[in-house]
Amino acid sequence: MDRLKLVAFDQDDLAVVSAHVQDAVLKVKDMTFLPKEGRFAAVINRFVWEKPAEGTVRKSWERRRAGFHFDRVSAVRSIGIDRSNPDAVLDLLAIAFDKAEEPAGTVTLIFAGGGAIALDVECIEASISDFGPAWATACCPQHDVDTADAKAPATMKA
């Protein structure tokens, strides 16, 4: 099976998950916070970075539908995301973690254009799973800056 399935329980694990969701696209309506369950979940179209491009004349890459979630979430806040527009498309650049009183902290989903979602968590407990078939795309995301150095907006920090 070539479907990705990862879990994260610490910052190193989360860095691996972040690398695999870099350049995922999703709509605002494809994210939800379930406070009773302490879960934040999203469905994304993930760029398949781990598979090399195919073809010699015209390279093609893949995207896959995937779901990811964070458990043990106590609060969610956002900046730079228009939640009144459920069809707005977001480009996920990175996932960061700022420690508070260990193992608690804030997981931040950092989006292109300055948007961010901060999740206050008791600890890191995340999962991502591909589902459904992959599809070809002729576009490979490119960046002017290294997204590994992406930072949450200063106003998001607690």
N, C-alpha and C. Protein backbone atom coordinates (compact mmCIF):
# COMPACT_ATOMS: atom_id res chain seq x y z
N MET A 1 0.85 -1.19 0.00
CA MET A 1 0.00 0.00 0.00
C MET A 1 0.89 1.24 0.00
N ASP A 2 0.49 2.22 -0.78
CA ASP A 2 1.26 3.45 -0.82
C ASP A 2 0.56 4.59 -0.10
N ARG A 3 -0.43 4.27 0.69
CA ARG A 3 -1.13 5.30 1.46
C ARG A 3 -0.36 5.61 2.74
N LEU A 4 -0.24 6.89 3.00
CA LEU A 4 0.48 7.37 4.16
C LEU A 4 -0.40 7.28 5.41
N LYS A 5 0.20 6.84 6.51
CA LYS A 5 -0.48 6.85 7.80
C LYS A 5 0.59 7.12 8.85
N LEU A 6 0.47 8.25 9.54
CA LEU A 6 1.45 8.66 10.53
C LEU A 6 0.76 9.11 11.81
N VAL A 7 1.46 8.95 12.92
CA VAL A 7 1.02 9.51 14.20
C VAL A 7 2.16 10.34 14.77
N ALA A 8 1.80 11.29 15.60
CA ALA A 8 2.80 12.15 16.23
C ALA A 8 2.50 12.26 17.72
N PHE A 9 3.55 12.04 18.53
CA PHE A 9 3.42 12.16 19.98
C PHE A 9 4.46 13.10 20.58
N ASP A 10 5.34 13.67 19.74
CA ASP A 10 6.31 14.63 20.23
C ASP A 10 6.68 15.58 19.10
N GLN A 11 7.56 16.54 19.40
CA GLN A 11 7.92 17.54 18.40
C GLN A 11 8.61 16.95 17.18
N ASP A 12 9.43 15.94 17.37
CA ASP A 12 10.10 15.31 16.23
C ASP A 12 9.09 14.63 15.32
N ASP A 13 8.14 13.92 15.91
CA ASP A 13 7.08 13.29 15.12
C ASP A 13 6.27 14.35 14.37
N LEU A 14 5.96 15.45 15.06
CA LEU A 14 5.16 16.50 14.45
C LEU A 14 5.88 17.14 13.27
N ALA A 15 7.20 17.23 13.34
CA ALA A 15 7.98 17.76 12.22
C ALA A 15 7.84 16.88 10.98
N VAL A 16 7.77 15.57 11.18
CA VAL A 16 7.58 14.63 10.06
C VAL A 16 6.19 14.83 9.46
N VAL A 17 5.18 14.93 10.32
CA VAL A 17 3.81 15.17 9.84
C VAL A 17 3.76 16.50 9.08
N SER A 18 4.38 17.53 9.62
CA SER A 18 4.40 18.84 8.97
C SER A 18 4.99 18.75 7.57
N ALA A 19 6.07 18.01 7.41
CA ALA A 19 6.70 17.86 6.10
C ALA A 19 5.77 17.18 5.10
N HIS A 20 4.95 16.25 5.58
CA HIS A 20 4.05 15.53 4.69
C HIS A 20 2.78 16.30 4.34
N VAL A 21 2.43 17.31 5.14
CA VAL A 21 1.24 18.11 4.82
C VAL A 21 1.61 19.46 4.21
N GLN A 22 2.92 19.72 4.06
CA GLN A 22 3.33 20.98 3.44
C GLN A 22 2.70 21.10 2.07
N ASP A 23 2.10 22.24 1.82
CA ASP A 23 1.43 22.56 0.55
C ASP A 23 0.12 21.83 0.34
N ALA A 24 -0.43 21.28 1.40
CA ALA A 24 -1.78 20.73 1.31
C ALA A 24 -2.75 21.89 1.12
N VAL A 25 -3.80 21.65 0.37
CA VAL A 25 -4.84 22.66 0.20
C VAL A 25 -6.14 22.11 0.78
N LEU A 26 -6.92 23.03 1.33
CA LEU A 26 -8.20 22.66 1.92
C LEU A 26 -9.09 23.88 1.93
N LYS A 27 -10.37 23.62 2.10
CA LYS A 27 -11.33 24.71 2.22
C LYS A 27 -11.61 24.94 3.70
N VAL A 28 -12.00 26.17 4.02
CA VAL A 28 -12.32 26.52 5.40
C VAL A 28 -13.36 25.54 5.96
N LYS A 29 -14.34 25.17 5.15
CA LYS A 29 -15.40 24.28 5.62
C LYS A 29 -14.92 22.85 5.89
N ASP A 30 -13.69 22.52 5.47
CA ASP A 30 -13.15 21.17 5.68
C ASP A 30 -12.39 21.03 6.99
N MET A 31 -12.55 22.02 7.88
CA MET A 31 -11.92 21.97 9.21
C MET A 31 -13.02 22.08 10.26
N THR A 32 -12.81 21.40 11.39
CA THR A 32 -13.78 21.52 12.47
C THR A 32 -13.11 21.28 13.82
N PHE A 33 -13.67 21.92 14.83
CA PHE A 33 -13.24 21.70 16.21
C PHE A 33 -14.41 21.05 16.93
N LEU A 34 -14.15 19.91 17.55
CA LEU A 34 -15.16 19.18 18.31
C LEU A 34 -14.79 19.29 19.79
N PRO A 35 -15.28 20.34 20.48
CA PRO A 35 -14.83 20.60 21.84
C PRO A 35 -15.14 19.47 22.83
N LYS A 36 -16.28 18.82 22.69
CA LYS A 36 -16.62 17.73 23.62
C LYS A 36 -15.64 16.57 23.50
N GLU A 37 -15.13 16.33 22.30
CA GLU A 37 -14.16 15.26 22.08
C GLU A 37 -12.73 15.75 22.25
N GLY A 38 -12.54 17.06 22.33
CA GLY A 38 -11.19 17.61 22.40
C GLY A 38 -10.40 17.36 21.14
N ARG A 39 -11.07 17.45 20.00
CA ARG A 39 -10.45 17.10 18.72
C ARG A 39 -10.63 18.21 17.70
N PHE A 40 -9.54 18.50 16.98
CA PHE A 40 -9.57 19.37 15.81
C PHE A 40 -9.27 18.47 14.62
N ALA A 41 -10.11 18.53 13.59
CA ALA A 41 -9.93 17.65 12.44
C ALA A 41 -10.06 18.43 11.13
N ALA A 42 -9.40 17.92 10.10
CA ALA A 42 -9.47 18.54 8.77
C ALA A 42 -9.30 17.47 7.70
N VAL A 43 -9.89 17.75 6.55
CA VAL A 43 -9.70 16.92 5.37
C VAL A 43 -8.95 17.80 4.37
N ILE A 44 -7.87 17.26 3.83
CA ILE A 44 -6.98 18.04 2.98
C ILE A 44 -6.70 17.31 1.66
N ASN A 45 -6.23 18.07 0.69
CA ASN A 45 -5.66 17.51 -0.54
C ASN A 45 -4.15 17.67 -0.38
N ARG A 46 -3.51 16.59 -0.02
CA ARG A 46 -2.10 16.57 0.33
C ARG A 46 -1.23 16.42 -0.91
N PHE A 47 -0.18 17.25 -1.02
CA PHE A 47 0.81 17.08 -2.08
C PHE A 47 1.72 15.93 -1.65
N VAL A 48 1.95 14.97 -2.55
CA VAL A 48 2.72 13.76 -2.22
C VAL A 48 4.21 14.05 -2.44
N TRP A 49 4.83 14.64 -1.42
CA TRP A 49 6.24 14.99 -1.51
C TRP A 49 7.15 13.77 -1.52
N GLU A 50 6.70 12.69 -0.91
CA GLU A 50 7.59 11.52 -0.76
C GLU A 50 7.72 10.69 -2.03
N LYS A 51 6.92 10.97 -3.04
CA LYS A 51 7.01 10.22 -4.29
C LYS A 51 7.63 11.11 -5.36
N PRO A 52 8.69 10.63 -6.03
CA PRO A 52 9.34 11.46 -7.05
C PRO A 52 8.44 11.69 -8.26
N ALA A 53 8.71 12.79 -8.94
CA ALA A 53 7.96 13.09 -10.16
C ALA A 53 8.24 12.04 -11.22
N GLU A 54 7.24 11.83 -12.08
CA GLU A 54 7.39 10.85 -13.16
C GLU A 54 7.36 11.57 -14.51
N GLY A 55 8.02 11.00 -15.48
CA GLY A 55 8.00 11.54 -16.84
C GLY A 55 9.29 12.28 -17.16
N THR A 56 9.59 12.37 -18.44
CA THR A 56 10.81 13.05 -18.85
C THR A 56 10.51 14.39 -19.51
N VAL A 57 9.48 14.46 -20.33
CA VAL A 57 9.15 15.71 -21.00
C VAL A 57 8.32 16.60 -20.07
N ARG A 58 7.22 16.07 -19.61
CA ARG A 58 6.36 16.81 -18.71
C ARG A 58 6.26 16.04 -17.41
N LYS A 59 6.80 16.60 -16.37
CA LYS A 59 6.77 15.92 -15.09
C LYS A 59 5.38 15.99 -14.50
N SER A 60 5.01 14.95 -13.78
CA SER A 60 3.74 14.98 -13.08
C SER A 60 3.97 14.57 -11.64
N TRP A 61 3.18 15.13 -10.78
CA TRP A 61 3.24 14.83 -9.36
C TRP A 61 1.88 14.32 -8.94
N GLU A 62 1.72 14.05 -7.66
CA GLU A 62 0.44 13.52 -7.17
C GLU A 62 -0.06 14.33 -5.99
N ARG A 63 -1.37 14.30 -5.85
CA ARG A 63 -2.06 14.77 -4.65
C ARG A 63 -2.92 13.61 -4.17
N ARG A 64 -3.18 13.61 -2.88
CA ARG A 64 -4.03 12.59 -2.26
C ARG A 64 -4.95 13.25 -1.25
N ARG A 65 -6.13 12.71 -1.15
CA ARG A 65 -7.07 13.14 -0.11
C ARG A 65 -6.62 12.50 1.20
N ALA A 66 -6.57 13.28 2.24
CA ALA A 66 -6.13 12.77 3.54
C ALA A 66 -6.92 13.46 4.65
N GLY A 67 -6.99 12.79 5.76
CA GLY A 67 -7.59 13.38 6.94
C GLY A 67 -6.53 13.48 8.02
N PHE A 68 -6.58 14.56 8.78
CA PHE A 68 -5.68 14.62 9.93
C PHE A 68 -6.43 15.21 11.10
N HIS A 69 -5.97 14.84 12.28
CA HIS A 69 -6.62 15.37 13.47
C HIS A 69 -5.62 15.50 14.62
N PHE A 70 -5.97 16.37 15.53
CA PHE A 70 -5.25 16.55 16.78
C PHE A 70 -6.21 16.26 17.91
N ASP A 71 -5.78 15.47 18.88
CA ASP A 71 -6.58 15.16 20.05
C ASP A 71 -6.04 15.94 21.25
N ARG A 72 -6.82 15.93 22.32
CA ARG A 72 -6.45 16.63 23.57
C ARG A 72 -6.34 18.13 23.36
N VAL A 73 -7.23 18.65 22.50
CA VAL A 73 -7.27 20.09 22.20
C VAL A 73 -8.27 20.76 23.13
N SER A 74 -7.83 21.78 23.84
CA SER A 74 -8.72 22.48 24.77
C SER A 74 -9.29 23.78 24.20
N ALA A 75 -8.59 24.39 23.24
CA ALA A 75 -9.07 25.64 22.65
C ALA A 75 -8.48 25.81 21.26
N VAL A 76 -9.22 26.54 20.43
CA VAL A 76 -8.78 26.83 19.05
C VAL A 76 -9.02 28.31 18.79
N ARG A 77 -8.05 28.95 18.16
CA ARG A 77 -8.23 30.34 17.74
C ARG A 77 -7.56 30.52 16.38
N SER A 78 -8.00 31.52 15.66
CA SER A 78 -7.45 31.74 14.32
C SER A 78 -7.21 33.21 14.07
N ILE A 79 -6.37 33.46 13.08
CA ILE A 79 -6.09 34.81 12.62
C ILE A 79 -5.89 34.74 11.11
N GLY A 80 -6.42 35.74 10.40
CA GLY A 80 -6.20 35.82 8.96
C GLY A 80 -6.96 34.78 8.15
N ILE A 81 -8.01 34.19 8.73
CA ILE A 81 -8.82 33.20 8.03
C ILE A 81 -10.27 33.67 8.08
N ASP A 82 -10.88 33.84 6.92
CA ASP A 82 -12.25 34.32 6.84
C ASP A 82 -13.21 33.14 7.00
N ARG A 83 -13.64 32.90 8.23
CA ARG A 83 -14.52 31.76 8.50
C ARG A 83 -15.93 31.98 7.95
N SER A 84 -16.25 33.21 7.54
CA SER A 84 -17.56 33.46 6.94
C SER A 84 -17.60 33.02 5.48
N ASN A 85 -16.43 32.66 4.91
CA ASN A 85 -16.35 32.18 3.53
C ASN A 85 -15.92 30.71 3.55
N PRO A 86 -16.88 29.77 3.70
CA PRO A 86 -16.54 28.35 3.84
C PRO A 86 -15.84 27.75 2.63
N ASP A 87 -15.96 28.37 1.45
CA ASP A 87 -15.33 27.83 0.25
C ASP A 87 -13.95 28.43 -0.02
N ALA A 88 -13.47 29.29 0.86
CA ALA A 88 -12.13 29.86 0.69
C ALA A 88 -11.11 28.74 0.77
N VAL A 89 -10.14 28.77 -0.15
CA VAL A 89 -9.10 27.74 -0.20
C VAL A 89 -7.87 28.22 0.56
N LEU A 90 -7.36 27.35 1.42
CA LEU A 90 -6.18 27.64 2.22
C LEU A 90 -5.03 26.73 1.79
N ASP A 91 -3.81 27.26 1.85
CA ASP A 91 -2.61 26.51 1.51
C ASP A 91 -1.80 26.36 2.79
N LEU A 92 -1.72 25.13 3.29
CA LEU A 92 -1.01 24.84 4.53
C LEU A 92 0.49 24.78 4.28
N LEU A 93 1.24 25.62 4.97
CA LEU A 93 2.69 25.67 4.79
C LEU A 93 3.43 24.79 5.79
N ALA A 94 3.00 24.82 7.05
CA ALA A 94 3.75 24.09 8.08
C ALA A 94 2.90 23.95 9.34
N ILE A 95 3.35 23.05 10.20
CA ILE A 95 2.76 22.89 11.52
C ILE A 95 3.89 23.10 12.53
N ALA A 96 3.68 24.00 13.47
CA ALA A 96 4.69 24.32 14.47
C ALA A 96 4.17 23.99 15.87
N PHE A 97 5.09 23.88 16.82
CA PHE A 97 4.70 23.62 18.21
C PHE A 97 5.51 24.51 19.13
N ASP A 98 4.81 25.20 20.02
CA ASP A 98 5.44 26.00 21.06
C ASP A 98 5.09 25.39 22.40
N LYS A 99 6.12 25.01 23.16
CA LYS A 99 5.91 24.39 24.47
C LYS A 99 5.37 25.42 25.45
N ALA A 100 4.52 24.94 26.33
CA ALA A 100 4.07 25.73 27.47
C ALA A 100 4.63 25.01 28.68
N GLU A 101 3.75 24.50 29.51
CA GLU A 101 4.18 23.67 30.63
C GLU A 101 4.16 22.24 30.13
N GLU A 102 5.34 21.70 29.84
CA GLU A 102 5.47 20.41 29.17
C GLU A 102 4.64 19.33 29.86
N PRO A 103 3.89 18.51 29.11
CA PRO A 103 3.93 18.34 27.65
C PRO A 103 2.96 19.24 26.89
N ALA A 104 2.28 20.15 27.60
CA ALA A 104 1.30 21.02 26.96
C ALA A 104 1.97 22.09 26.10
N GLY A 105 1.17 22.68 25.23
CA GLY A 105 1.68 23.74 24.39
C GLY A 105 0.66 24.16 23.36
N THR A 106 1.14 24.82 22.33
CA THR A 106 0.29 25.30 21.25
C THR A 106 0.80 24.76 19.93
N VAL A 107 -0.06 24.05 19.22
CA VAL A 107 0.21 23.60 17.85
C VAL A 107 -0.35 24.68 16.94
N THR A 108 0.44 25.15 15.99
CA THR A 108 -0.03 26.19 15.08
C THR A 108 0.05 25.69 13.64
N LEU A 109 -1.09 25.76 12.97
CA LEU A 109 -1.16 25.47 11.54
C LEU A 109 -0.92 26.80 10.83
N ILE A 110 0.13 26.86 10.02
CA ILE A 110 0.54 28.10 9.38
C ILE A 110 0.18 28.03 7.89
N PHE A 111 -0.60 29.01 7.44
CA PHE A 111 -1.09 29.03 6.07
C PHE A 111 -0.44 30.16 5.27
N ALA A 112 -0.36 29.97 3.95
CA ALA A 112 0.13 31.02 3.06
C ALA A 112 -0.75 32.25 3.23
N GLY A 113 -0.17 33.41 3.07
CA GLY A 113 -0.92 34.65 3.18
C GLY A 113 -1.06 35.17 4.60
N GLY A 114 -0.41 34.50 5.56
CA GLY A 114 -0.42 35.00 6.92
C GLY A 114 -1.48 34.44 7.84
N GLY A 115 -2.32 33.56 7.35
CA GLY A 115 -3.34 32.95 8.21
C GLY A 115 -2.74 31.88 9.11
N ALA A 116 -3.38 31.67 10.25
CA ALA A 116 -2.90 30.64 11.18
C ALA A 116 -4.05 30.18 12.07
N ILE A 117 -3.94 28.94 12.51
CA ILE A 117 -4.87 28.38 13.49
C ILE A 117 -4.03 27.83 14.63
N ALA A 118 -4.32 28.28 15.85
CA ALA A 118 -3.59 27.83 17.02
C ALA A 118 -4.47 26.86 17.82
N LEU A 119 -3.89 25.73 18.17
CA LEU A 119 -4.58 24.71 18.96
C LEU A 119 -3.87 24.58 20.30
N ASP A 120 -4.56 24.89 21.39
CA ASP A 120 -3.98 24.67 22.71
C ASP A 120 -4.18 23.20 23.03
N VAL A 121 -3.08 22.50 23.31
CA VAL A 121 -3.14 21.05 23.52
C VAL A 121 -2.53 20.67 24.87
N GLU A 122 -3.07 19.59 25.45
CA GLU A 122 -2.50 19.02 26.68
C GLU A 122 -1.15 18.39 26.38
N CYS A 123 -1.05 17.82 25.19
CA CYS A 123 0.16 17.18 24.70
C CYS A 123 -0.02 16.98 23.20
N ILE A 124 1.07 16.63 22.52
CA ILE A 124 0.97 16.35 21.09
C ILE A 124 0.40 14.96 20.91
N GLU A 125 -0.73 14.90 20.22
CA GLU A 125 -1.34 13.63 19.85
C GLU A 125 -2.06 13.86 18.54
N ALA A 126 -1.39 13.51 17.45
CA ALA A 126 -1.91 13.80 16.12
C ALA A 126 -1.82 12.57 15.23
N SER A 127 -2.65 12.57 14.18
CA SER A 127 -2.66 11.47 13.22
C SER A 127 -3.02 12.01 11.85
N ILE A 128 -2.42 11.42 10.82
CA ILE A 128 -2.78 11.73 9.44
C ILE A 128 -2.89 10.41 8.69
N SER A 129 -3.92 10.31 7.85
CA SER A 129 -4.13 9.10 7.05
C SER A 129 -4.63 9.48 5.66
N ASP A 130 -3.99 8.92 4.65
CA ASP A 130 -4.49 9.07 3.28
C ASP A 130 -5.71 8.19 3.10
N PHE A 131 -6.62 8.63 2.25
CA PHE A 131 -7.73 7.77 1.85
C PHE A 131 -8.10 8.09 0.41
N GLY A 132 -8.64 7.11 -0.27
CA GLY A 132 -9.00 7.30 -1.67
C GLY A 132 -7.78 7.29 -2.58
N PRO A 133 -8.03 7.30 -3.87
CA PRO A 133 -6.93 7.22 -4.85
C PRO A 133 -6.20 8.55 -4.99
N ALA A 134 -4.97 8.46 -5.49
CA ALA A 134 -4.18 9.65 -5.80
C ALA A 134 -4.57 10.14 -7.19
N TRP A 135 -4.30 11.40 -7.47
CA TRP A 135 -4.52 11.92 -8.81
C TRP A 135 -3.29 12.74 -9.22
N ALA A 136 -3.04 12.78 -10.52
CA ALA A 136 -1.88 13.48 -11.05
C ALA A 136 -2.12 14.98 -11.06
N THR A 137 -1.05 15.72 -10.86
CA THR A 137 -1.08 17.17 -11.00
C THR A 137 0.20 17.59 -11.71
N ALA A 138 0.07 18.55 -12.60
CA ALA A 138 1.23 19.03 -13.35
C ALA A 138 1.98 20.12 -12.59
N CYS A 139 1.40 20.57 -11.50
CA CYS A 139 2.01 21.66 -10.73
C CYS A 139 2.72 21.15 -9.49
N CYS A 140 3.94 21.61 -9.31
CA CYS A 140 4.69 21.33 -8.11
C CYS A 140 4.83 22.64 -7.34
N PRO A 141 4.39 22.68 -6.09
CA PRO A 141 4.48 23.93 -5.33
C PRO A 141 5.91 24.42 -5.24
N GLN A 142 6.07 25.74 -5.34
CA GLN A 142 7.38 26.35 -5.21
C GLN A 142 7.26 27.50 -4.23
N HIS A 143 8.35 27.76 -3.50
CA HIS A 143 8.33 28.79 -2.48
C HIS A 143 9.52 29.72 -2.64
N ASP A 144 9.28 31.00 -2.33
CA ASP A 144 10.38 31.98 -2.33
C ASP A 144 11.19 31.88 -1.04
N VAL A 145 10.55 31.37 0.03
CA VAL A 145 11.23 31.21 1.31
C VAL A 145 11.08 29.77 1.76
N ASP A 146 11.94 29.37 2.66
CA ASP A 146 11.91 28.01 3.20
C ASP A 146 10.76 27.89 4.18
N THR A 147 9.78 27.05 3.87
CA THR A 147 8.61 26.91 4.75
C THR A 147 8.96 26.19 6.04
N ALA A 148 10.11 25.56 6.12
CA ALA A 148 10.53 24.94 7.37
C ALA A 148 10.77 26.01 8.44
N ASP A 149 11.05 27.25 7.98
CA ASP A 149 11.26 28.35 8.91
C ASP A 149 10.00 29.18 9.12
N ALA A 150 8.85 28.69 8.65
CA ALA A 150 7.60 29.43 8.80
C ALA A 150 7.29 29.61 10.27
N LYS A 151 6.84 30.79 10.60
CA LYS A 151 6.51 31.12 11.99
C LYS A 151 5.06 31.56 12.08
N ALA A 152 4.47 31.28 13.24
CA ALA A 152 3.12 31.75 13.49
C ALA A 152 3.14 33.26 13.63
N PRO A 153 2.06 33.93 13.23
CA PRO A 153 2.00 35.37 13.44
C PRO A 153 2.20 35.69 14.92
N ALA A 154 2.90 36.76 15.21
CA ALA A 154 3.22 37.13 16.59
C ALA A 154 1.97 37.28 17.45
N THR A 155 0.87 37.70 16.86
CA THR A 155 -0.35 37.91 17.64
C THR A 155 -1.01 36.60 18.04
N MET A 156 -0.54 35.47 17.52
CA MET A 156 -1.12 34.17 17.86
C MET A 156 -0.54 33.61 19.16
N LYS A 157 0.63 34.07 19.55
CA LYS A 157 1.29 33.50 20.71
C LYS A 157 0.54 33.86 21.97
N ALA A 158 0.45 32.87 22.86
CA ALA A 158 -0.30 33.07 24.09
C ALA A 158 0.49 33.87 25.10
